[in-house]
Amino acid sequence: MAYRICMVCLGNICRSPMAAAVLRHKVAEAGLADEVIVESAGTGGWHVGDGADRRARAALVARGYDDTHSARKFVREFFEDYDLVIAMDHENVKNLRAIAPDRESRDEVRLLRSFDPNAPDGAEVEDPYYGGDDGFVEVLDQVERACDGLVAELRAELAPRE
């Protein structure tokens, strides 16, 4: 059975689709595509059905990532579907833990930048929505570093046990 991860931000049109695209790409490069499923969602439902923000798509495409996306809202029942829920910032961690059905589900929620060994404790992926294109490039830089660390953890966790 595949290990399932959901990347979560507020509206599911900027940070979480970028993080999902990057992680899917890095998981495939690591030879784990058959073992890891990566999806995304938002804690808010304003953009359900929309594609990613045009600036997020441009940043992804410029670095060779897939920009295919359809926004959706994270609902309580999703906790049953995922092994790991990764939030972009503390507000989303709080919102996710508030709807979690139990302690185990609350413990599945982690900050994305916690996987970047060079990021300060509690570092967030800031929302670039109200800024310019540069903010999306910065988000992509942060996401790539964190996803490298996450893939290293996945390799260790999913390695065949002897």
N, C-alpha and C. Protein backbone atom coordinates (compact mmCIF):
# COMPACT_ATOMS: atom_id res chain seq x y z
N MET A 1 0.85 -1.19 0.00
CA MET A 1 0.00 0.00 0.00
C MET A 1 0.88 1.24 0.00
N ALA A 2 0.53 2.21 -0.82
CA ALA A 2 1.33 3.42 -0.96
C ALA A 2 1.26 4.30 0.29
N TYR A 3 2.34 5.03 0.51
CA TYR A 3 2.41 6.03 1.57
C TYR A 3 1.82 7.31 0.99
N ARG A 4 0.85 7.89 1.68
CA ARG A 4 0.12 9.04 1.13
C ARG A 4 0.41 10.32 1.91
N ILE A 5 0.69 11.38 1.15
CA ILE A 5 1.04 12.68 1.72
C ILE A 5 0.12 13.74 1.13
N CYS A 6 -0.36 14.65 1.98
CA CYS A 6 -1.15 15.79 1.50
C CYS A 6 -0.47 17.08 1.93
N MET A 7 -0.15 17.92 0.95
CA MET A 7 0.41 19.25 1.19
C MET A 7 -0.76 20.22 1.36
N VAL A 8 -0.70 21.08 2.39
CA VAL A 8 -1.84 21.95 2.69
C VAL A 8 -1.40 23.39 2.91
N CYS A 9 -2.12 24.31 2.25
CA CYS A 9 -1.98 25.74 2.51
C CYS A 9 -3.40 26.30 2.68
N LEU A 10 -3.55 27.58 2.54
CA LEU A 10 -4.85 28.20 2.80
C LEU A 10 -5.85 27.95 1.66
N GLY A 11 -5.53 28.41 0.46
CA GLY A 11 -6.50 28.32 -0.64
C GLY A 11 -6.23 27.23 -1.65
N ASN A 12 -5.08 26.55 -1.53
CA ASN A 12 -4.69 25.47 -2.43
C ASN A 12 -4.51 25.95 -3.86
N ILE A 13 -3.95 27.17 -4.01
CA ILE A 13 -3.64 27.64 -5.35
C ILE A 13 -2.20 28.15 -5.48
N CYS A 14 -1.47 28.24 -4.37
CA CYS A 14 -0.09 28.74 -4.45
C CYS A 14 0.90 27.73 -3.86
N ARG A 15 1.05 27.78 -2.55
CA ARG A 15 2.11 27.01 -1.89
C ARG A 15 1.91 25.51 -1.95
N SER A 16 0.73 25.02 -1.60
CA SER A 16 0.56 23.56 -1.55
C SER A 16 0.60 22.90 -2.93
N PRO A 17 0.05 23.50 -3.99
CA PRO A 17 0.23 22.85 -5.29
C PRO A 17 1.69 22.88 -5.75
N MET A 18 2.41 23.95 -5.39
CA MET A 18 3.83 24.01 -5.72
C MET A 18 4.57 22.90 -4.97
N ALA A 19 4.28 22.76 -3.69
CA ALA A 19 4.95 21.74 -2.87
C ALA A 19 4.62 20.34 -3.37
N ALA A 20 3.38 20.11 -3.75
CA ALA A 20 2.99 18.79 -4.25
C ALA A 20 3.71 18.48 -5.56
N ALA A 21 3.77 19.45 -6.46
CA ALA A 21 4.45 19.23 -7.75
C ALA A 21 5.93 18.93 -7.55
N VAL A 22 6.57 19.68 -6.68
CA VAL A 22 8.00 19.47 -6.42
C VAL A 22 8.22 18.11 -5.77
N LEU A 23 7.42 17.78 -4.76
CA LEU A 23 7.62 16.50 -4.09
C LEU A 23 7.35 15.32 -5.03
N ARG A 24 6.30 15.40 -5.84
CA ARG A 24 6.04 14.33 -6.81
C ARG A 24 7.25 14.12 -7.72
N HIS A 25 7.82 15.22 -8.18
CA HIS A 25 8.99 15.17 -9.07
C HIS A 25 10.18 14.53 -8.36
N LYS A 26 10.45 14.95 -7.15
CA LYS A 26 11.60 14.44 -6.40
C LYS A 26 11.40 12.98 -5.96
N VAL A 27 10.16 12.62 -5.65
CA VAL A 27 9.85 11.23 -5.31
C VAL A 27 10.11 10.35 -6.53
N ALA A 28 9.71 10.80 -7.70
CA ALA A 28 9.95 10.04 -8.93
C ALA A 28 11.44 9.90 -9.20
N GLU A 29 12.18 11.00 -9.04
CA GLU A 29 13.64 10.95 -9.23
C GLU A 29 14.30 9.95 -8.28
N ALA A 30 13.74 9.83 -7.08
CA ALA A 30 14.29 8.92 -6.07
C ALA A 30 13.85 7.47 -6.28
N GLY A 31 13.03 7.23 -7.30
CA GLY A 31 12.56 5.88 -7.58
C GLY A 31 11.46 5.42 -6.64
N LEU A 32 10.76 6.37 -6.03
CA LEU A 32 9.71 6.04 -5.06
C LEU A 32 8.30 6.32 -5.57
N ALA A 33 8.16 6.61 -6.86
CA ALA A 33 6.85 7.00 -7.40
C ALA A 33 5.77 5.95 -7.18
N ASP A 34 6.14 4.69 -7.17
CA ASP A 34 5.15 3.63 -6.95
C ASP A 34 4.79 3.46 -5.48
N GLU A 35 5.61 4.04 -4.61
CA GLU A 35 5.42 3.86 -3.17
C GLU A 35 4.83 5.09 -2.46
N VAL A 36 4.88 6.25 -3.11
CA VAL A 36 4.44 7.49 -2.47
C VAL A 36 3.46 8.23 -3.37
N ILE A 37 2.32 8.58 -2.81
CA ILE A 37 1.32 9.39 -3.51
C ILE A 37 1.29 10.76 -2.84
N VAL A 38 1.37 11.81 -3.66
CA VAL A 38 1.40 13.18 -3.15
C VAL A 38 0.24 13.96 -3.74
N GLU A 39 -0.54 14.58 -2.87
CA GLU A 39 -1.67 15.40 -3.28
C GLU A 39 -1.64 16.70 -2.49
N SER A 40 -2.60 17.58 -2.73
CA SER A 40 -2.65 18.83 -1.98
C SER A 40 -4.09 19.26 -1.76
N ALA A 41 -4.26 20.18 -0.81
CA ALA A 41 -5.58 20.72 -0.48
C ALA A 41 -5.37 22.03 0.27
N GLY A 42 -6.47 22.74 0.49
CA GLY A 42 -6.43 23.99 1.25
C GLY A 42 -7.38 23.92 2.43
N THR A 43 -7.09 24.71 3.44
CA THR A 43 -7.99 24.74 4.60
C THR A 43 -9.22 25.59 4.31
N GLY A 44 -9.15 26.43 3.29
CA GLY A 44 -10.30 27.22 2.86
C GLY A 44 -10.83 26.70 1.54
N GLY A 45 -12.08 26.95 1.26
CA GLY A 45 -12.70 26.42 0.06
C GLY A 45 -12.98 27.41 -1.05
N TRP A 46 -12.41 28.60 -0.99
CA TRP A 46 -12.73 29.66 -1.95
C TRP A 46 -12.37 29.32 -3.38
N HIS A 47 -11.34 28.51 -3.58
CA HIS A 47 -10.82 28.28 -4.93
C HIS A 47 -11.07 26.87 -5.45
N VAL A 48 -11.96 26.11 -4.80
CA VAL A 48 -12.21 24.72 -5.19
C VAL A 48 -12.46 24.64 -6.69
N GLY A 49 -11.73 23.75 -7.35
CA GLY A 49 -11.86 23.55 -8.79
C GLY A 49 -10.95 24.41 -9.64
N ASP A 50 -10.36 25.44 -9.05
CA ASP A 50 -9.46 26.33 -9.80
C ASP A 50 -8.09 25.69 -10.01
N GLY A 51 -7.41 26.13 -11.04
CA GLY A 51 -6.02 25.76 -11.23
C GLY A 51 -5.14 26.56 -10.29
N ALA A 52 -3.86 26.29 -10.32
CA ALA A 52 -2.92 27.05 -9.50
C ALA A 52 -2.84 28.49 -9.99
N ASP A 53 -2.46 29.39 -9.10
CA ASP A 53 -2.22 30.79 -9.43
C ASP A 53 -1.24 30.86 -10.61
N ARG A 54 -1.45 31.80 -11.50
CA ARG A 54 -0.61 31.89 -12.70
C ARG A 54 0.86 32.08 -12.35
N ARG A 55 1.15 32.80 -11.25
CA ARG A 55 2.54 33.02 -10.84
C ARG A 55 3.16 31.74 -10.30
N ALA A 56 2.38 30.93 -9.61
CA ALA A 56 2.86 29.63 -9.13
C ALA A 56 3.15 28.73 -10.32
N ARG A 57 2.25 28.73 -11.28
CA ARG A 57 2.44 27.90 -12.47
C ARG A 57 3.69 28.33 -13.23
N ALA A 58 3.89 29.64 -13.36
CA ALA A 58 5.07 30.13 -14.09
C ALA A 58 6.36 29.72 -13.39
N ALA A 59 6.39 29.82 -12.07
CA ALA A 59 7.59 29.43 -11.31
C ALA A 59 7.85 27.93 -11.47
N LEU A 60 6.80 27.12 -11.41
CA LEU A 60 6.96 25.67 -11.56
C LEU A 60 7.47 25.31 -12.96
N VAL A 61 6.83 25.84 -13.97
CA VAL A 61 7.19 25.52 -15.35
C VAL A 61 8.62 25.97 -15.66
N ALA A 62 9.03 27.13 -15.13
CA ALA A 62 10.38 27.64 -15.37
C ALA A 62 11.46 26.68 -14.86
N ARG A 63 11.11 25.88 -13.85
CA ARG A 63 12.08 24.92 -13.31
C ARG A 63 11.79 23.47 -13.73
N GLY A 64 10.88 23.31 -14.66
CA GLY A 64 10.64 21.99 -15.21
C GLY A 64 9.66 21.11 -14.46
N TYR A 65 8.84 21.71 -13.60
CA TYR A 65 7.85 20.94 -12.86
C TYR A 65 6.50 20.99 -13.57
N ASP A 66 5.69 19.97 -13.31
CA ASP A 66 4.33 19.91 -13.84
C ASP A 66 3.46 20.93 -13.09
N ASP A 67 2.61 21.63 -13.82
CA ASP A 67 1.74 22.64 -13.18
C ASP A 67 0.27 22.24 -13.21
N THR A 68 -0.02 20.98 -13.50
CA THR A 68 -1.40 20.50 -13.51
C THR A 68 -1.95 20.51 -12.09
N HIS A 69 -3.14 21.10 -11.90
CA HIS A 69 -3.69 21.21 -10.55
C HIS A 69 -5.17 21.58 -10.59
N SER A 70 -5.91 21.08 -9.61
CA SER A 70 -7.29 21.49 -9.37
C SER A 70 -7.48 21.62 -7.86
N ALA A 71 -7.77 22.82 -7.40
CA ALA A 71 -7.86 23.10 -5.96
C ALA A 71 -9.01 22.35 -5.31
N ARG A 72 -8.79 21.96 -4.07
CA ARG A 72 -9.84 21.33 -3.27
C ARG A 72 -9.63 21.69 -1.81
N LYS A 73 -10.66 21.47 -1.02
CA LYS A 73 -10.63 21.80 0.40
C LYS A 73 -10.32 20.56 1.21
N PHE A 74 -9.45 20.72 2.21
CA PHE A 74 -9.13 19.62 3.13
C PHE A 74 -10.28 19.49 4.12
N VAL A 75 -10.82 18.29 4.21
CA VAL A 75 -11.91 18.02 5.15
C VAL A 75 -11.47 16.95 6.15
N ARG A 76 -12.15 16.90 7.25
CA ARG A 76 -11.83 16.00 8.35
C ARG A 76 -11.58 14.56 7.91
N GLU A 77 -12.40 14.08 6.99
CA GLU A 77 -12.29 12.70 6.53
C GLU A 77 -10.96 12.41 5.83
N PHE A 78 -10.30 13.45 5.34
CA PHE A 78 -9.01 13.25 4.66
C PHE A 78 -7.97 12.64 5.59
N PHE A 79 -8.09 12.86 6.89
CA PHE A 79 -7.11 12.30 7.82
C PHE A 79 -7.04 10.78 7.69
N GLU A 80 -8.15 10.15 7.33
CA GLU A 80 -8.17 8.69 7.14
C GLU A 80 -7.38 8.27 5.91
N ASP A 81 -7.22 9.19 4.96
CA ASP A 81 -6.59 8.87 3.67
C ASP A 81 -5.09 9.10 3.62
N TYR A 82 -4.55 9.87 4.57
CA TYR A 82 -3.14 10.27 4.49
C TYR A 82 -2.33 9.79 5.68
N ASP A 83 -1.08 9.44 5.38
CA ASP A 83 -0.12 9.06 6.42
C ASP A 83 0.56 10.29 7.00
N LEU A 84 0.65 11.34 6.21
CA LEU A 84 1.32 12.56 6.61
C LEU A 84 0.61 13.75 5.99
N VAL A 85 0.31 14.75 6.81
CA VAL A 85 -0.32 15.98 6.35
C VAL A 85 0.68 17.10 6.63
N ILE A 86 1.07 17.81 5.57
CA ILE A 86 2.13 18.80 5.69
C ILE A 86 1.57 20.19 5.42
N ALA A 87 1.67 21.03 6.44
CA ALA A 87 1.15 22.40 6.35
C ALA A 87 2.27 23.37 6.00
N MET A 88 1.88 24.46 5.34
CA MET A 88 2.86 25.46 4.93
C MET A 88 3.17 26.47 6.04
N ASP A 89 2.22 26.69 6.96
CA ASP A 89 2.46 27.67 8.02
C ASP A 89 1.72 27.27 9.30
N HIS A 90 2.00 28.02 10.37
CA HIS A 90 1.43 27.70 11.68
C HIS A 90 -0.09 27.83 11.71
N GLU A 91 -0.63 28.78 10.98
CA GLU A 91 -2.09 28.95 10.95
C GLU A 91 -2.76 27.71 10.36
N ASN A 92 -2.18 27.17 9.30
CA ASN A 92 -2.74 25.95 8.72
C ASN A 92 -2.55 24.74 9.62
N VAL A 93 -1.44 24.68 10.35
CA VAL A 93 -1.26 23.61 11.33
C VAL A 93 -2.39 23.68 12.35
N LYS A 94 -2.63 24.88 12.85
CA LYS A 94 -3.70 25.08 13.86
C LYS A 94 -5.06 24.67 13.30
N ASN A 95 -5.37 25.11 12.09
CA ASN A 95 -6.65 24.79 11.47
C ASN A 95 -6.81 23.29 11.23
N LEU A 96 -5.75 22.64 10.79
CA LEU A 96 -5.81 21.20 10.55
C LEU A 96 -5.98 20.42 11.85
N ARG A 97 -5.21 20.79 12.85
CA ARG A 97 -5.31 20.08 14.13
C ARG A 97 -6.68 20.29 14.78
N ALA A 98 -7.30 21.43 14.49
CA ALA A 98 -8.63 21.71 15.06
C ALA A 98 -9.70 20.78 14.49
N ILE A 99 -9.52 20.32 13.27
CA ILE A 99 -10.52 19.42 12.68
C ILE A 99 -10.11 17.95 12.75
N ALA A 100 -8.91 17.69 13.24
CA ALA A 100 -8.43 16.30 13.32
C ALA A 100 -9.34 15.48 14.24
N PRO A 101 -9.66 14.25 13.85
CA PRO A 101 -10.58 13.43 14.64
C PRO A 101 -9.98 12.87 15.92
N ASP A 102 -8.64 12.81 16.00
CA ASP A 102 -8.02 12.21 17.18
C ASP A 102 -6.56 12.67 17.30
N ARG A 103 -5.93 12.25 18.39
CA ARG A 103 -4.55 12.66 18.65
C ARG A 103 -3.59 12.15 17.57
N GLU A 104 -3.80 10.92 17.15
CA GLU A 104 -2.94 10.35 16.11
C GLU A 104 -2.98 11.21 14.85
N SER A 105 -4.16 11.64 14.46
CA SER A 105 -4.31 12.51 13.29
C SER A 105 -3.64 13.85 13.51
N ARG A 106 -3.80 14.42 14.69
CA ARG A 106 -3.14 15.71 14.99
C ARG A 106 -1.63 15.57 14.87
N ASP A 107 -1.10 14.41 15.28
CA ASP A 107 0.34 14.18 15.23
C ASP A 107 0.87 13.99 13.80
N GLU A 108 -0.02 13.70 12.85
CA GLU A 108 0.37 13.54 11.45
C GLU A 108 0.67 14.88 10.78
N VAL A 109 0.26 15.99 11.40
CA VAL A 109 0.42 17.32 10.81
C VAL A 109 1.79 17.87 11.16
N ARG A 110 2.54 18.23 10.11
CA ARG A 110 3.87 18.81 10.29
C ARG A 110 4.05 20.01 9.38
N LEU A 111 4.95 20.88 9.75
CA LEU A 111 5.32 22.01 8.90
C LEU A 111 6.28 21.54 7.81
N LEU A 112 6.09 22.01 6.59
CA LEU A 112 6.96 21.60 5.49
C LEU A 112 8.42 21.92 5.78
N ARG A 113 8.69 23.12 6.25
CA ARG A 113 10.09 23.51 6.41
C ARG A 113 10.77 22.78 7.57
N SER A 114 10.02 22.00 8.35
CA SER A 114 10.65 21.19 9.39
C SER A 114 11.51 20.09 8.77
N PHE A 115 11.34 19.82 7.48
CA PHE A 115 12.14 18.81 6.78
C PHE A 115 13.42 19.40 6.20
N ASP A 116 13.58 20.72 6.26
CA ASP A 116 14.79 21.39 5.77
C ASP A 116 15.75 21.54 6.94
N PRO A 117 16.85 20.80 6.95
CA PRO A 117 17.76 20.85 8.11
C PRO A 117 18.40 22.21 8.33
N ASN A 118 18.38 23.07 7.32
CA ASN A 118 18.97 24.40 7.46
C ASN A 118 17.97 25.50 7.81
N ALA A 119 16.69 25.15 7.87
CA ALA A 119 15.66 26.14 8.21
C ALA A 119 15.60 26.29 9.73
N PRO A 120 15.34 27.49 10.23
CA PRO A 120 15.20 27.67 11.68
C PRO A 120 13.98 26.91 12.20
N ASP A 121 14.00 26.55 13.47
CA ASP A 121 12.85 25.87 14.08
C ASP A 121 11.59 26.70 13.86
N GLY A 122 10.53 26.05 13.47
CA GLY A 122 9.25 26.73 13.28
C GLY A 122 9.13 27.54 12.02
N ALA A 123 10.10 27.41 11.10
CA ALA A 123 10.06 28.20 9.86
C ALA A 123 8.84 27.83 9.02
N GLU A 124 8.25 28.85 8.42
CA GLU A 124 7.06 28.68 7.59
C GLU A 124 7.38 28.97 6.13
N VAL A 125 6.51 28.50 5.26
CA VAL A 125 6.52 28.92 3.86
C VAL A 125 5.49 30.04 3.81
N GLU A 126 5.97 31.27 3.69
CA GLU A 126 5.09 32.44 3.70
C GLU A 126 4.19 32.47 2.47
N ASP A 127 3.00 32.99 2.63
CA ASP A 127 2.04 33.08 1.53
C ASP A 127 2.47 34.18 0.56
N PRO A 128 2.74 33.84 -0.70
CA PRO A 128 3.18 34.85 -1.68
C PRO A 128 2.04 35.53 -2.43
N TYR A 129 0.80 35.16 -2.15
CA TYR A 129 -0.34 35.56 -2.96
C TYR A 129 -0.44 37.07 -3.19
N TYR A 130 -0.24 37.86 -2.16
CA TYR A 130 -0.43 39.31 -2.29
C TYR A 130 0.83 40.05 -2.71
N GLY A 131 1.88 39.32 -3.05
CA GLY A 131 3.12 39.94 -3.49
C GLY A 131 3.35 39.75 -4.98
N GLY A 132 4.58 39.94 -5.38
CA GLY A 132 4.93 39.82 -6.79
C GLY A 132 5.48 38.45 -7.14
N ASP A 133 5.99 38.35 -8.36
CA ASP A 133 6.53 37.08 -8.86
C ASP A 133 7.69 36.57 -8.02
N ASP A 134 8.50 37.49 -7.48
CA ASP A 134 9.67 37.09 -6.68
C ASP A 134 9.28 36.24 -5.48
N GLY A 135 8.12 36.52 -4.90
CA GLY A 135 7.67 35.75 -3.75
C GLY A 135 7.43 34.29 -4.11
N PHE A 136 6.98 34.03 -5.31
CA PHE A 136 6.72 32.66 -5.75
C PHE A 136 8.03 31.92 -6.00
N VAL A 137 9.04 32.65 -6.49
CA VAL A 137 10.36 32.05 -6.70
C VAL A 137 10.97 31.71 -5.34
N GLU A 138 10.82 32.59 -4.36
CA GLU A 138 11.33 32.32 -3.01
C GLU A 138 10.62 31.11 -2.40
N VAL A 139 9.31 31.05 -2.56
CA VAL A 139 8.55 29.89 -2.06
C VAL A 139 9.08 28.62 -2.71
N LEU A 140 9.30 28.64 -4.01
CA LEU A 140 9.79 27.46 -4.70
C LEU A 140 11.17 27.04 -4.17
N ASP A 141 12.03 28.01 -3.89
CA ASP A 141 13.34 27.70 -3.30
C ASP A 141 13.17 26.99 -1.95
N GLN A 142 12.31 27.52 -1.10
CA GLN A 142 12.06 26.92 0.22
C GLN A 142 11.47 25.52 0.08
N VAL A 143 10.52 25.38 -0.81
CA VAL A 143 9.85 24.10 -1.03
C VAL A 143 10.85 23.05 -1.52
N GLU A 144 11.71 23.42 -2.45
CA GLU A 144 12.69 22.46 -2.98
C GLU A 144 13.62 21.95 -1.87
N ARG A 145 14.12 22.86 -1.05
CA ARG A 145 15.02 22.45 0.04
C ARG A 145 14.30 21.53 1.03
N ALA A 146 13.08 21.88 1.38
CA ALA A 146 12.32 21.06 2.33
C ALA A 146 11.98 19.70 1.72
N CYS A 147 11.63 19.68 0.46
CA CYS A 147 11.28 18.40 -0.18
C CYS A 147 12.49 17.49 -0.31
N ASP A 148 13.69 18.06 -0.46
CA ASP A 148 14.90 17.23 -0.46
C ASP A 148 15.02 16.50 0.88
N GLY A 149 14.80 17.22 1.98
CA GLY A 149 14.85 16.60 3.29
C GLY A 149 13.75 15.58 3.49
N LEU A 150 12.57 15.88 2.99
CA LEU A 150 11.44 14.96 3.12
C LEU A 150 11.70 13.67 2.34
N VAL A 151 12.25 13.78 1.14
CA VAL A 151 12.57 12.59 0.36
C VAL A 151 13.61 11.73 1.08
N ALA A 152 14.58 12.36 1.70
CA ALA A 152 15.58 11.60 2.47
C ALA A 152 14.90 10.82 3.60
N GLU A 153 13.94 11.45 4.29
CA GLU A 153 13.20 10.75 5.34
C GLU A 153 12.35 9.62 4.78
N LEU A 154 11.73 9.87 3.63
CA LEU A 154 10.91 8.84 3.00
C LEU A 154 11.75 7.64 2.59
N ARG A 155 12.93 7.91 2.03
CA ARG A 155 13.83 6.82 1.65
C ARG A 155 14.14 5.95 2.87
N ALA A 156 14.46 6.59 3.99
CA ALA A 156 14.80 5.85 5.20
C ALA A 156 13.60 5.07 5.72
N GLU A 157 12.43 5.71 5.72
CA GLU A 157 11.24 5.09 6.26
C GLU A 157 10.72 3.95 5.38
N LEU A 158 10.85 4.11 4.08
CA LEU A 158 10.29 3.13 3.15
C LEU A 158 11.29 2.09 2.69
N ALA A 159 12.54 2.20 3.15
CA ALA A 159 13.56 1.23 2.77
C ALA A 159 13.14 -0.16 3.22
N PRO A 160 13.43 -1.15 2.42
CA PRO A 160 13.06 -2.52 2.83
C PRO A 160 13.70 -2.88 4.16
N ARG A 161 12.93 -3.44 5.02
CA ARG A 161 13.42 -3.87 6.32
C ARG A 161 14.05 -5.25 6.19
N GLU A 162 15.20 -5.43 6.79
CA GLU A 162 15.86 -6.74 6.74
C GLU A 162 15.71 -7.46 8.05
